[in-house]
Amino acid sequence: MKMVLVTPEIPYNTGAIGRTCVALNLELILIKPYGFSLDEKAVRRAGTDYWKHVNLSEYDSWESFLADRKPPRENMYFFEEHGAQSVYTPEYHRDAYLVFGCESAGLPAAILENMDDRVFNLPMRNPLVRSLNLANVATAVIYQAMRTQLGG
């Protein structure tokens, strides 16, 4: 499985997700533009000493990512707070791409076009909470996806 962050804005979130990727031997794919520099201390601080161990791939755009990786549609899982299905619904493919958008706007509409059946949400029970932290959601999603691979 691979974690994909499209135009991440907050270095602490990217660093924390990178740390999770190291812990689980996952590739982290970042799609530009970023809201920060990867050499910022904040990214390294959030990833602590692990940032140098992140299996990192970078792409200049979503289109260049698609052209290079050619991910099958059924391997793509997009996460948005208003996704029609819960993260608990799918059986995640072993070669899944878990795709998350930027903190302020989520994924661009162009990426989600014709992908309604591939968009998932992490349920929130209290309507007072509008959204969750990206790093927290990404971590919850990857552990759920891995759980389906391990048989529960």
Protein backbone atom coordinates (compact mmCIF):
# COMPACT_ATOMS: atom_id res chain seq x y z
CA MET A 1 0.00 0.00 0.00
CA LYS A 2 1.03 3.56 -0.65
CA MET A 3 0.08 6.86 0.99
CA VAL A 4 -0.50 9.73 -1.45
CA LEU A 5 -0.73 13.35 -0.29
CA VAL A 6 -1.96 15.80 -2.91
CA THR A 7 -0.67 19.35 -2.36
CA PRO A 8 -0.09 19.04 1.40
CA GLU A 9 0.03 22.39 3.21
CA ILE A 10 1.15 21.71 6.78
CA PRO A 11 4.64 20.34 7.37
CA TYR A 12 3.76 18.77 10.72
CA ASN A 13 1.08 16.61 9.12
CA THR A 14 3.38 15.49 6.32
CA GLY A 15 6.13 14.72 8.83
CA ALA A 16 3.80 12.71 11.05
CA ILE A 17 2.44 10.76 8.06
CA GLY A 18 6.01 10.13 6.91
CA ARG A 19 6.82 8.71 10.34
CA THR A 20 3.82 6.36 10.12
CA CYS A 21 4.98 5.28 6.66
CA VAL A 22 8.42 4.41 8.04
CA ALA A 23 6.86 2.44 10.89
CA LEU A 24 4.76 0.40 8.45
CA ASN A 25 7.23 0.17 5.53
CA LEU A 26 4.96 2.18 3.23
CA GLU A 27 5.88 4.49 0.39
CA LEU A 28 4.88 8.13 0.79
CA ILE A 29 4.00 9.84 -2.48
CA LEU A 30 3.78 13.64 -2.46
CA ILE A 31 2.13 15.61 -5.25
CA LYS A 32 3.27 19.23 -5.71
CA PRO A 33 2.84 22.06 -5.06
CA TYR A 34 3.45 21.94 -1.30
CA GLY A 35 2.64 24.63 1.21
CA PHE A 36 6.13 24.30 2.66
CA SER A 37 9.65 23.19 1.80
CA LEU A 38 10.65 19.59 2.43
CA ASP A 39 13.89 20.77 3.96
CA GLU A 40 12.01 22.73 6.63
CA LYS A 41 12.80 21.83 10.18
CA ALA A 42 9.07 21.41 10.84
CA VAL A 43 8.79 18.36 8.55
CA ARG A 44 11.85 16.79 10.10
CA ARG A 45 10.65 17.63 13.62
CA ALA A 46 7.25 16.00 13.07
CA GLY A 47 8.92 12.95 11.58
CA THR A 48 11.60 13.14 14.27
CA ASP A 49 14.73 11.28 13.29
CA TYR A 50 12.77 9.10 10.88
CA TRP A 51 12.35 11.52 7.97
CA LYS A 52 15.60 10.37 6.38
CA HIS A 53 14.15 6.84 6.26
CA VAL A 54 10.91 7.77 4.47
CA ASN A 55 10.51 5.93 1.16
CA LEU A 56 9.55 9.16 -0.60
CA SER A 57 8.45 9.77 -4.18
CA GLU A 58 7.52 13.20 -5.51
CA TYR A 59 5.54 14.29 -8.55
CA ASP A 60 5.08 17.73 -10.04
CA SER A 61 1.36 17.15 -10.66
CA TRP A 62 -1.46 14.64 -10.36
CA GLU A 63 -1.23 14.06 -14.09
CA SER A 64 2.48 13.20 -13.92
CA PHE A 65 1.75 10.80 -11.06
CA LEU A 66 -0.94 9.05 -13.11
CA ALA A 67 1.24 8.90 -16.22
CA ASP A 68 4.16 7.38 -14.32
CA ARG A 69 2.36 4.98 -11.96
CA LYS A 70 -0.70 4.09 -14.07
CA PRO A 71 -2.62 2.95 -10.98
CA PRO A 72 -5.64 0.76 -11.74
CA ARG A 73 -8.91 2.45 -10.82
CA GLU A 74 -9.80 -0.35 -8.39
CA ASN A 75 -6.56 0.29 -6.47
CA MET A 76 -7.40 3.95 -5.85
CA TYR A 77 -9.06 4.97 -2.59
CA PHE A 78 -9.82 8.66 -2.04
CA PHE A 79 -10.60 10.10 1.39
CA GLU A 80 -12.86 13.09 1.92
CA GLU A 81 -15.00 14.08 4.88
CA HIS A 82 -18.09 13.94 2.62
CA GLY A 83 -17.31 10.60 0.97
CA ALA A 84 -20.42 8.49 0.39
CA GLN A 85 -18.91 5.36 1.94
CA SER A 86 -17.14 4.65 5.20
CA VAL A 87 -13.47 3.67 5.38
CA TYR A 88 -14.78 0.45 6.93
CA THR A 89 -16.63 -0.56 3.75
CA PRO A 90 -13.98 -1.74 1.25
CA GLU A 91 -11.67 -4.70 1.22
CA TYR A 92 -8.47 -2.80 0.43
CA HIS A 93 -6.32 -4.06 -2.41
CA ARG A 94 -2.78 -5.09 -1.48
CA ASP A 95 -1.43 -2.52 -3.97
CA ALA A 96 -3.79 0.24 -2.82
CA TYR A 97 -3.08 3.94 -3.27
CA LEU A 98 -4.61 5.77 -0.28
CA VAL A 99 -5.10 9.33 -1.52
CA PHE A 100 -5.59 12.39 0.69
CA GLY A 101 -5.98 16.05 -0.25
CA CYS A 102 -4.65 19.22 1.31
CA GLU A 103 -5.72 20.31 4.76
CA SER A 104 -7.74 23.39 3.76
CA ALA A 105 -9.59 22.18 0.66
CA GLY A 106 -9.33 18.41 0.39
CA LEU A 107 -8.97 16.82 -3.02
CA PRO A 108 -9.61 18.85 -6.19
CA ALA A 109 -12.92 18.16 -7.94
CA ALA A 110 -11.04 17.20 -11.13
CA ILE A 111 -9.35 14.30 -9.32
CA LEU A 112 -12.64 13.05 -7.86
CA GLU A 113 -14.57 13.33 -11.14
CA ASN A 114 -16.27 10.01 -11.96
CA MET A 115 -14.81 8.43 -8.83
CA ASP A 116 -17.85 8.59 -6.52
CA ASP A 117 -17.62 4.86 -5.79
CA ARG A 118 -13.95 5.28 -4.75
CA VAL A 119 -14.44 8.12 -2.21
CA PHE A 120 -14.56 7.22 1.49
CA ASN A 121 -14.95 9.04 4.79
CA LEU A 122 -13.85 8.45 8.35
CA PRO A 123 -17.09 8.64 10.35
CA MET A 124 -17.52 11.35 12.98
CA ARG A 125 -20.38 11.01 15.44
CA ASN A 126 -20.54 14.56 16.76
CA PRO A 127 -21.71 17.25 14.30
CA LEU A 128 -19.79 19.87 16.31
CA VAL A 129 -16.59 18.59 14.68
CA ARG A 130 -16.29 19.77 11.07
CA SER A 131 -13.10 17.89 10.24
CA LEU A 132 -10.23 15.89 11.69
CA ASN A 133 -6.49 16.41 11.46
CA LEU A 134 -5.04 14.98 8.24
CA ALA A 135 -2.30 13.00 10.00
CA ASN A 136 -4.85 11.43 12.35
CA VAL A 137 -7.18 10.47 9.50
CA ALA A 138 -4.34 9.05 7.40
CA THR A 139 -3.14 6.93 10.31
CA ALA A 140 -6.64 5.62 11.07
CA VAL A 141 -7.20 4.79 7.40
CA ILE A 142 -3.93 2.94 6.89
CA TYR A 143 -4.46 0.77 9.96
CA GLN A 144 -8.00 -0.06 8.80
CA ALA A 145 -6.73 -0.88 5.31
CA MET A 146 -3.99 -3.09 6.75
CA ARG A 147 -6.50 -4.80 9.05
CA THR A 148 -8.51 -5.94 6.01
CA GLN A 149 -5.32 -7.39 4.54
CA LEU A 150 -4.49 -9.28 7.73
CA GLY A 151 -7.96 -10.75 8.10
CA GLY A 152 -9.03 -8.75 11.14
